[in-house]
Amino acid sequence: MDFRVTADPIDALDVETVVLSAFSEERPLKGSSGLIDWRICGRLSRLVMAKRFSAERFETLLFPSEGRIGPSKVIIVGLGPLKEYDFEVYCKVLGYMMQSLVKMNIYEFALPLPGVGLAGLEYTMATERLIEEVMFKYRQRKTRLEDVSVTIVAGRHRLREVGAVLNKHSRAMRDAP
């Protein structure tokens, strides 16, 4: 199992799938979701305006990038209302995301920590929970963990914080019997 963190733009990453998220009242889309929307010529915004995606919690879209960005697949998951988003909801959303990725046989993906920045959640705890959830869901499926590759997209000011959690996890895995 490979975890990485990067501040590189999500649209240029060499991964199979990008996993995005949005709050139900988030208009226009922000962060990585906004960048991907712009790179795919406003496709997400058009879906929102046509009321085909409202970003209610767990609402999910999967579509091809059609070569407009590095990753070939785009998944966006609704987070529901920002005012209701806390660490408990974050954990539920992560569980849903990872279960969905496992069911779709997606083993290589990049994602920003869903909703963490806008909701003001703690990055260290959010990163630890992501690692736990990825390992749990993929182990449940009896996936060879060495086939799983996760890239966390974070702002430059968060690289050290997220990287420290990944390093701690990597050492623990290496030292495990």
Protein backbone atom coordinates (compact mmCIF):
# COMPACT_ATOMS: atom_id res chain seq x y z
CA MET A 1 0.00 0.00 0.00
CA ASP A 2 1.44 3.30 -1.08
CA PHE A 3 0.38 6.64 0.39
CA ARG A 4 1.80 9.93 -0.91
CA VAL A 5 1.08 13.59 -0.40
CA THR A 6 1.52 16.28 -3.01
CA ALA A 7 0.76 19.93 -3.60
CA ASP A 8 0.80 19.39 -7.37
CA PRO A 9 -2.40 20.32 -9.21
CA ILE A 10 -4.82 17.39 -9.11
CA ASP A 11 -5.58 17.66 -12.82
CA ALA A 12 -1.98 16.84 -13.78
CA LEU A 13 -1.44 13.80 -11.55
CA ASP A 14 -0.57 10.46 -13.11
CA VAL A 15 -3.32 8.40 -11.44
CA GLU A 16 -6.28 6.43 -12.73
CA THR A 17 -8.98 8.32 -10.83
CA VAL A 18 -9.53 11.60 -8.99
CA VAL A 19 -12.01 11.59 -6.13
CA LEU A 20 -13.56 14.99 -5.47
CA SER A 21 -16.19 16.28 -3.07
CA ALA A 22 -18.48 19.26 -2.70
CA PHE A 23 -20.85 20.71 -0.13
CA SER A 24 -24.50 21.10 -1.13
CA GLU A 25 -24.35 24.92 -0.89
CA GLU A 26 -20.89 25.25 -2.47
CA ARG A 27 -21.41 27.42 -5.56
CA PRO A 28 -19.22 27.87 -7.45
CA LEU A 29 -17.24 24.73 -6.76
CA LYS A 30 -13.98 25.45 -4.91
CA GLY A 31 -10.53 23.93 -4.56
CA SER A 32 -9.77 20.75 -6.49
CA SER A 33 -13.41 20.34 -7.54
CA GLY A 34 -13.40 23.84 -9.02
CA LEU A 35 -10.11 23.23 -10.81
CA ILE A 36 -11.31 19.96 -12.35
CA ASP A 37 -14.63 21.59 -13.32
CA TRP A 38 -12.71 24.32 -15.13
CA ARG A 39 -10.43 21.81 -16.88
CA ILE A 40 -13.40 19.74 -18.08
CA CYS A 41 -15.08 22.87 -19.45
CA GLY A 42 -17.66 23.38 -16.70
CA ARG A 43 -19.23 19.93 -16.95
CA LEU A 44 -19.78 19.70 -13.18
CA SER A 45 -21.26 23.20 -13.04
CA ARG A 46 -23.67 22.32 -15.84
CA LEU A 47 -24.77 19.21 -13.93
CA VAL A 48 -25.35 21.34 -10.83
CA MET A 49 -27.31 23.98 -12.77
CA ALA A 50 -29.44 21.27 -14.43
CA LYS A 51 -30.14 19.87 -10.93
CA ARG A 52 -28.57 16.54 -11.86
CA PHE A 53 -26.06 16.85 -9.00
CA SER A 54 -26.93 18.66 -5.78
CA ALA A 55 -24.03 17.40 -3.59
CA GLU A 56 -26.34 15.92 -0.99
CA ARG A 57 -24.43 13.64 1.34
CA PHE A 58 -23.26 10.44 -0.44
CA GLU A 59 -24.67 11.53 -3.82
CA THR A 60 -22.06 10.30 -6.30
CA LEU A 61 -21.15 10.87 -9.94
CA LEU A 62 -18.60 8.92 -11.96
CA PHE A 63 -17.64 10.00 -15.46
CA PRO A 64 -14.69 9.83 -17.85
CA SER A 65 -12.36 12.82 -18.11
CA GLU A 66 -12.26 12.39 -21.89
CA GLY A 67 -8.54 13.20 -21.95
CA ARG A 68 -8.95 16.75 -20.63
CA ILE A 69 -6.95 15.94 -17.48
CA GLY A 70 -4.32 13.34 -16.54
CA PRO A 71 -6.62 10.96 -14.65
CA SER A 72 -9.06 9.03 -16.86
CA LYS A 73 -11.93 8.91 -14.33
CA VAL A 74 -13.55 11.56 -12.15
CA ILE A 75 -15.69 10.77 -9.13
CA ILE A 76 -17.41 13.47 -7.12
CA VAL A 77 -19.18 12.76 -3.84
CA GLY A 78 -21.63 15.09 -2.12
CA LEU A 79 -20.83 16.08 1.46
CA GLY A 80 -24.23 17.60 2.30
CA PRO A 81 -24.52 20.93 4.10
CA LEU A 82 -21.32 22.51 5.43
CA LYS A 83 -22.98 23.51 8.72
CA GLU A 84 -23.64 19.80 9.50
CA TYR A 85 -20.16 18.62 8.52
CA ASP A 86 -18.00 17.52 11.44
CA PHE A 87 -15.43 14.79 12.06
CA GLU A 88 -18.13 12.15 12.56
CA VAL A 89 -19.69 12.96 9.17
CA TYR A 90 -16.21 13.08 7.61
CA CYS A 91 -15.62 9.50 8.82
CA LYS A 92 -18.93 8.34 7.35
CA VAL A 93 -18.17 10.01 4.03
CA LEU A 94 -14.70 8.41 3.94
CA GLY A 95 -16.20 4.99 4.63
CA TYR A 96 -18.69 5.48 1.82
CA MET A 97 -15.99 6.72 -0.59
CA MET A 98 -13.62 3.85 0.12
CA GLN A 99 -16.40 1.26 -0.12
CA SER A 100 -17.41 2.73 -3.48
CA LEU A 101 -13.84 2.67 -4.79
CA VAL A 102 -13.40 -0.94 -3.70
CA LYS A 103 -16.64 -1.96 -5.44
CA MET A 104 -15.49 -0.22 -8.64
CA ASN A 105 -12.11 -2.00 -8.46
CA ILE A 106 -10.24 1.30 -8.31
CA TYR A 107 -6.81 0.80 -6.75
CA GLU A 108 -5.05 4.00 -7.76
CA PHE A 109 -6.56 7.37 -6.92
CA ALA A 110 -5.89 10.90 -5.75
CA LEU A 111 -8.06 13.01 -3.50
CA PRO A 112 -7.98 16.04 -1.27
CA LEU A 113 -9.17 15.22 2.26
CA PRO A 114 -12.93 15.63 1.69
CA GLY A 115 -14.26 18.88 3.12
CA VAL A 116 -11.49 19.21 5.70
CA GLY A 117 -10.32 22.70 4.71
CA LEU A 118 -13.72 24.37 4.34
CA ALA A 119 -15.10 22.69 7.48
CA GLY A 120 -12.01 23.58 9.53
CA LEU A 121 -11.32 19.98 10.55
CA GLU A 122 -7.95 18.87 11.92
CA TYR A 123 -5.66 17.62 9.14
CA THR A 124 -3.68 15.17 11.26
CA MET A 125 -6.77 13.35 12.51
CA ALA A 126 -8.34 13.46 9.05
CA THR A 127 -5.23 11.92 7.46
CA GLU A 128 -5.02 9.18 10.10
CA ARG A 129 -8.67 8.33 9.54
CA LEU A 130 -8.19 8.17 5.77
CA ILE A 131 -5.34 5.68 6.17
CA GLU A 132 -7.40 3.53 8.55
CA GLU A 133 -10.41 3.56 6.24
CA VAL A 134 -8.42 2.70 3.11
CA MET A 135 -6.68 -0.18 4.84
CA PHE A 136 -9.90 -1.51 6.37
CA LYS A 137 -12.02 -1.39 3.20
CA TYR A 138 -9.37 -2.84 0.90
CA ARG A 139 -8.46 -5.59 3.40
CA GLN A 140 -12.16 -6.49 3.69
CA ARG A 141 -12.17 -7.08 -0.06
CA LYS A 142 -9.01 -9.21 0.31
CA THR A 143 -7.18 -6.87 -2.03
CA ARG A 144 -3.42 -7.18 -2.30
CA LEU A 145 -2.50 -4.04 -0.38
CA GLU A 146 0.65 -3.50 -2.43
CA ASP A 147 -1.67 -2.84 -5.42
CA VAL A 148 -3.31 0.16 -3.71
CA SER A 149 -1.89 3.64 -4.31
CA VAL A 150 -3.36 6.75 -2.69
CA THR A 151 -2.21 10.30 -3.38
CA ILE A 152 -3.44 12.95 -0.97
CA VAL A 153 -3.61 16.42 -2.50
CA ALA A 154 -2.96 19.18 0.02
CA GLY A 155 -1.91 22.80 0.04
CA ARG A 156 1.81 23.49 0.37
CA HIS A 157 1.25 24.72 3.93
CA ARG A 158 -0.17 21.28 4.87
CA LEU A 159 2.49 19.06 3.26
CA ARG A 160 4.62 18.72 6.39
CA GLU A 161 1.63 17.95 8.61
CA VAL A 162 0.12 15.33 6.30
CA GLY A 163 3.55 13.95 5.41
CA ALA A 164 4.38 13.40 9.10
CA VAL A 165 1.28 11.22 9.49
CA LEU A 166 2.17 9.23 6.36
CA ASN A 167 5.75 8.74 7.60
CA LYS A 168 4.51 7.54 10.98
CA HIS A 169 2.18 5.10 9.26
CA SER A 170 4.94 3.88 6.92
CA ARG A 171 7.30 3.21 9.86
CA ALA A 172 4.57 1.35 11.75
CA MET A 173 3.85 -0.87 8.72
CA ARG A 174 7.55 -1.56 8.19
CA ASP A 175 8.11 -2.45 11.86
CA ALA A 176 5.01 -4.65 12.15
CA PRO A 177 5.64 -8.41 12.47
